[in-house]
C-alpha atoms as a PDB file:
ATOM      1  CA  MET A   1     -27.738  34.155 170.811  1.00  0.00           C
ATOM      2  CA  ASP A   2     -27.709  37.232 172.602  1.00  0.00           C
ATOM      3  CA  LYS A   3     -24.642  39.680 171.766  1.00  0.00           C
ATOM      4  CA  SER A   4     -25.953  42.696 173.748  1.00  0.00           C
ATOM      5  CA  ILE A   5     -23.598  45.004 175.628  1.00  0.00           C
ATOM      6  CA  ASP A   6     -24.357  45.219 179.396  1.00  0.00           C
ATOM      7  CA  SER A   7     -21.352  47.630 180.191  1.00  0.00           C
ATOM      8  CA  VAL A   8     -20.820  51.285 179.648  1.00  0.00           C
ATOM      9  CA  ILE A   9     -18.353  52.610 177.916  1.00  0.00           C
ATOM     10  CA  ASN A  10     -16.706  55.874 178.369  1.00  0.00           C
ATOM     11  CA  ALA A  11     -16.035  56.890 174.816  1.00  0.00           C
ATOM     12  CA  HIS A  12     -16.011  61.025 174.583  1.00  0.00           C
ATOM     13  CA  ASP A  13     -15.600  63.578 176.681  1.00  0.00           C
ATOM     14  CA  THR A  14     -18.776  65.335 174.954  1.00  0.00           C
ATOM     15  CA  GLU A  15     -22.420  63.930 173.240  1.00  0.00           C
ATOM     16  CA  ILE A  16     -22.040  61.414 170.531  1.00  0.00           C
ATOM     17  CA  GLY A  17     -22.567  62.286 167.385  1.00  0.00           C
ATOM     18  CA  ALA A  18     -22.693  59.292 164.703  1.00  0.00           C
ATOM     19  CA  ILE A  19     -22.061  55.364 166.058  1.00  0.00           C
ATOM     20  CA  ALA A  20     -21.759  52.593 163.846  1.00  0.00           C
ATOM     21  CA  VAL A  21     -21.178  48.250 164.726  1.00  0.00           C
ATOM     22  CA  ASN A  22     -19.273  45.764 161.990  1.00  0.00           C
ATOM     23  CA  THR A  23     -21.421  42.973 160.700  1.00  0.00           C
ATOM     24  CA  ASP A  24     -20.188  40.572 163.029  1.00  0.00           C
ATOM     25  CA  GLY A  25     -20.693  42.429 165.998  1.00  0.00           C
ATOM     26  CA  THR A  26     -16.908  42.238 167.573  1.00  0.00           C
ATOM     27  CA  LEU A  27     -16.168  46.531 166.905  1.00  0.00           C
ATOM     28  CA  LEU A  28     -18.499  49.439 167.833  1.00  0.00           C
ATOM     29  CA  ALA A  29     -16.972  52.672 165.809  1.00  0.00           C
ATOM     30  CA  SER A  30     -18.092  56.550 167.303  1.00  0.00           C
ATOM     31  CA  ALA A  31     -17.585  60.054 167.333  1.00  0.00           C
ATOM     32  CA  SER A  32     -17.963  62.821 169.142  1.00  0.00           C
ATOM     33  CA  MET A  33     -20.444  66.133 168.138  1.00  0.00           C
ATOM     34  CA  ARG A  34     -17.354  67.503 167.472  1.00  0.00           C
ATOM     35  CA  GLY A  35     -16.388  65.544 165.179  1.00  0.00           C
ATOM     36  CA  HIS A  36     -12.278  65.041 165.657  1.00  0.00           C
ATOM     37  CA  ILE A  37     -11.838  61.982 166.879  1.00  0.00           C
ATOM     38  CA  ILE A  38     -13.375  58.560 165.824  1.00  0.00           C
ATOM     39  CA  LYS A  39     -12.993  55.681 168.413  1.00  0.00           C
ATOM     40  CA  ILE A  40     -12.739  52.139 167.889  1.00  0.00           C
ATOM     41  CA  PHE A  41     -14.202  49.734 170.598  1.00  0.00           C
ATOM     42  CA  SER A  42     -14.282  46.203 171.131  1.00  0.00           C
ATOM     43  CA  THR A  43     -17.480  45.264 172.067  1.00  0.00           C
ATOM     44  CA  ASP A  44     -16.120  42.322 174.515  1.00  0.00           C
ATOM     45  CA  SER A  45     -14.347  44.231 176.453  1.00  0.00           C
ATOM     46  CA  GLY A  46     -15.166  48.064 176.006  1.00  0.00           C
ATOM     47  CA  GLU A  47     -11.608  48.736 175.318  1.00  0.00           C
ATOM     48  CA  VAL A  48     -10.728  51.462 173.003  1.00  0.00           C
ATOM     49  CA  MET A  49      -8.901  49.238 169.929  1.00  0.00           C
ATOM     50  CA  GLN A  50      -7.890  52.769 167.677  1.00  0.00           C
ATOM     51  CA  GLU A  51      -8.552  55.565 167.610  1.00  0.00           C
ATOM     52  CA  LEU A  52      -8.532  57.547 164.167  1.00  0.00           C
ATOM     53  CA  LYS A  53      -8.578  61.334 163.533  1.00  0.00           C
ATOM     54  CA  ARG A  54     -10.760  62.848 161.076  1.00  0.00           C
ATOM     55  CA  GLY A  55      -9.204  66.507 161.612  1.00  0.00           C
ATOM     56  CA  ASN A  56      -8.515  69.310 163.449  1.00  0.00           C
ATOM     57  CA  SER A  57     -11.683  71.796 162.543  1.00  0.00           C
ATOM     58  CA  LYS A  58     -15.436  70.643 164.366  1.00  0.00           C
ATOM     59  CA  ALA A  59     -17.645  69.143 162.154  1.00  0.00           C
ATOM     60  CA  GLU A  60     -20.712  67.359 162.197  1.00  0.00           C
ATOM     61  CA  ILE A  61     -19.963  63.544 161.335  1.00  0.00           C
ATOM     62  CA  LYS A  62     -22.863  62.769 159.399  1.00  0.00           C
ATOM     63  CA  GLU A  63     -22.453  58.692 159.260  1.00  0.00           C
ATOM     64  CA  ILE A  64     -20.148  56.252 160.098  1.00  0.00           C
ATOM     65  CA  VAL A  65     -19.659  52.019 158.070  1.00  0.00           C
ATOM     66  CA  PHE A  66     -17.696  49.349 158.451  1.00  0.00           C
ATOM     67  CA  HIS A  67     -16.777  47.873 155.164  1.00  0.00           C
ATOM     68  CA  PRO A  68     -18.274  44.354 155.154  1.00  0.00           C
ATOM     69  CA  SER A  69     -15.733  42.130 154.459  1.00  0.00           C
ATOM     70  CA  LEU A  70     -12.753  44.329 154.446  1.00  0.00           C
ATOM     71  CA  TYR A  71     -10.765  46.175 157.388  1.00  0.00           C
ATOM     72  CA  LEU A  72     -11.836  49.771 156.310  1.00  0.00           C
ATOM     73  CA  LEU A  73     -13.756  52.176 157.915  1.00  0.00           C
ATOM     74  CA  ALA A  74     -15.600  55.274 156.488  1.00  0.00           C
ATOM     75  CA  CYS A  75     -16.827  58.492 157.364  1.00  0.00           C
ATOM     76  CA  THR A  76     -19.207  61.410 156.123  1.00  0.00           C
ATOM     77  CA  SER A  77     -19.077  64.837 157.639  1.00  0.00           C
ATOM     78  CA  SER A  78     -20.348  67.813 157.313  1.00  0.00           C
ATOM     79  CA  LYS A  79     -17.072  69.399 156.160  1.00  0.00           C
ATOM     80  CA  ALA A  80     -18.337  67.959 152.297  1.00  0.00           C
ATOM     81  CA  SER A  81     -15.856  65.222 153.175  1.00  0.00           C
ATOM     82  CA  ILE A  82     -15.397  61.741 152.982  1.00  0.00           C
ATOM     83  CA  HIS A  83     -12.810  59.548 154.774  1.00  0.00           C
ATOM     84  CA  ILE A  84     -12.051  56.050 155.094  1.00  0.00           C
ATOM     85  CA  PHE A  85      -9.722  54.421 157.658  1.00  0.00           C
ATOM     86  CA  GLU A  86      -7.852  51.306 157.908  1.00  0.00           C
ATOM     87  CA  LEU A  87      -8.827  48.924 160.762  1.00  0.00           C
ATOM     88  CA  ASN A  88      -5.774  46.309 160.785  1.00  0.00           C
ATOM     89  CA  LYS A  89      -4.333  47.926 164.015  1.00  0.00           C
ATOM     90  CA  ALA A  90      -7.787  47.127 165.862  1.00  0.00           C
ATOM     91  CA  VAL A  91      -8.970  43.708 163.889  1.00  0.00           C
ATOM     92  CA  ASN A  92      -4.876  42.728 165.427  1.00  0.00           C
ATOM     93  CA  LYS A  93      -5.573  44.149 168.942  1.00  0.00           C
ATOM     94  CA  CYS A  94      -8.574  42.130 169.201  1.00  0.00           C
ATOM     95  CA  ILE A  95      -7.671  38.749 167.714  1.00  0.00           C
ATOM     96  CA  GLU A  96      -4.564  39.138 169.794  1.00  0.00           C
ATOM     97  CA  LEU A  97      -6.876  39.865 172.861  1.00  0.00           C
ATOM     98  CA  LYS A  98      -8.663  36.552 171.648  1.00  0.00           C
ATOM     99  CA  GLN A  99      -6.463  34.639 171.270  1.00  0.00           C
ATOM    100  CA  TYR A 100      -4.492  34.693 175.062  1.00  0.00           C
ATOM    101  CA  GLY A 101      -8.158  34.977 176.293  1.00  0.00           C
ATOM    102  CA  PHE A 102      -8.177  38.551 177.622  1.00  0.00           C
END
């Protein structure tokens, strides 16, 4: 089955620094080069499902990783930090959109 996206997602005002897709291909996470905000998008609609704030200071996001079975996302940065975020809001919003046919 072809799950390619044929639309453009206007993710950030600056260049993309890191990107990841969850294991079932329903969510896409991206961080800009500034590294302040990580956005979670629905791969079906391109809609922002959740925004996660990494911090206020500029940092290069080295990697974004979805947990393979839990609703968690982790990122590492040039600030020698690891951030772990809960994605229940994004997952519930995706389920709701599919349930009502949006």
